[in-house]
Amino acid sequence: MQIPFKYVTSFVLSAAFASVVMIAGCSARVSTGYRLHDGYYNDDHVWDNNEVVFYGRWEDETHRRHEDFRHRNADEQREYWKWRHDHH
């Protein structure tokens, strides 16, 4: 039994379009972090899962209680960015 060529072509094109949509959806999820400006070093950082790990490490090493970074005062934020630039 032979499968008609038009059905094979339709399936291949549908799969190609579906894969593009899936890949675009994945790339959108990767960049879900928000940007923060580090005024001390005058650069920007993307606050993503990687940065959350470093921030938690900073809180542990400096014996601070957990608090959202955006709610910390300017001096503590500056201390974090200084620590962060020293701990790539």
Protein backbone atom coordinates (compact mmCIF):
# COMPACT_ATOMS: atom_id res chain seq x y z
CA MET A 1 0.00 0.00 0.00
CA GLN A 2 1.44 3.38 -0.99
CA ILE A 3 0.81 6.57 0.94
CA PRO A 4 -0.09 9.39 -1.43
CA PHE A 5 2.66 12.01 -1.81
CA LYS A 6 0.38 14.89 -0.78
CA TYR A 7 -0.20 13.31 2.66
CA VAL A 8 3.52 12.86 3.28
CA THR A 9 4.19 16.45 2.22
CA SER A 10 1.41 17.75 4.47
CA PHE A 11 2.76 15.81 7.43
CA VAL A 12 6.35 17.04 6.90
CA LEU A 13 5.22 20.66 6.57
CA SER A 14 3.03 20.39 9.68
CA ALA A 15 5.91 18.93 11.66
CA ALA A 16 8.22 21.72 10.49
CA PHE A 17 5.76 24.44 11.54
CA ALA A 18 5.10 22.75 14.88
CA SER A 19 8.82 22.50 15.63
CA VAL A 20 9.31 26.22 14.94
CA VAL A 21 6.52 27.09 17.36
CA MET A 22 7.95 24.77 20.03
CA ILE A 23 11.48 26.14 19.65
CA ALA A 24 10.26 29.74 19.82
CA GLY A 25 8.29 28.92 22.98
CA CYS A 26 11.35 27.40 24.63
CA SER A 27 13.56 30.36 23.85
CA ALA A 28 10.99 32.73 25.32
CA ARG A 29 11.04 30.83 28.60
CA VAL A 30 14.83 30.96 28.88
CA SER A 31 14.86 34.73 29.14
CA THR A 32 12.24 35.10 31.85
CA GLY A 33 14.53 37.05 34.16
CA TYR A 34 14.27 40.78 34.60
CA ARG A 35 17.07 43.29 34.22
CA LEU A 36 18.64 45.15 37.13
CA HIS A 37 21.08 47.99 36.81
CA ASP A 38 24.19 47.91 38.98
CA GLY A 39 24.96 51.58 39.55
CA TYR A 40 28.19 50.80 41.40
CA TYR A 41 29.77 49.11 38.38
CA ASN A 42 27.43 50.82 35.88
CA ASP A 43 26.32 47.61 34.18
CA ASP A 44 23.15 45.57 33.83
CA HIS A 45 22.39 42.07 35.08
CA VAL A 46 19.62 39.66 34.17
CA TRP A 47 18.04 38.37 37.37
CA ASP A 48 17.42 34.73 36.47
CA ASN A 49 17.81 31.37 38.22
CA ASN A 50 21.59 31.62 37.98
CA GLU A 51 21.58 34.96 39.78
CA VAL A 52 19.18 33.61 42.43
CA VAL A 53 21.77 30.93 43.28
CA PHE A 54 24.53 33.54 43.69
CA TYR A 55 22.24 35.76 45.74
CA GLY A 56 21.38 32.89 48.09
CA ARG A 57 25.08 32.14 48.47
CA TRP A 58 25.76 35.81 49.29
CA GLU A 59 23.02 35.79 51.93
CA ASP A 60 24.49 32.64 53.51
CA GLU A 61 28.10 33.83 53.43
CA THR A 62 27.23 37.24 54.88
CA HIS A 63 24.80 35.77 57.44
CA ARG A 64 21.81 37.74 56.24
CA ARG A 65 18.19 36.68 56.47
CA HIS A 66 16.49 36.04 53.16
CA GLU A 67 14.89 39.10 51.63
CA ASP A 68 13.93 39.95 48.06
CA PHE A 69 16.83 41.83 46.49
CA ARG A 70 14.56 44.64 45.31
CA HIS A 71 13.52 45.29 48.93
CA ARG A 72 17.06 45.62 50.26
CA ASN A 73 18.41 49.10 50.87
CA ALA A 74 20.89 50.67 48.45
CA ASP A 75 23.93 49.93 50.64
CA GLU A 76 23.12 46.19 50.82
CA GLN A 77 22.45 46.07 47.08
CA ARG A 78 25.84 47.74 46.45
CA GLU A 79 27.50 45.19 48.77
CA TYR A 80 25.89 42.38 46.83
CA TRP A 81 27.05 43.69 43.44
CA LYS A 82 30.58 44.15 44.78
CA TRP A 83 30.54 40.57 46.08
CA ARG A 84 28.99 39.33 42.84
CA HIS A 85 31.70 40.90 40.68
CA ASP A 86 34.32 39.18 42.84
CA HIS A 87 32.56 35.77 42.55
CA HIS A 88 32.00 35.00 38.88
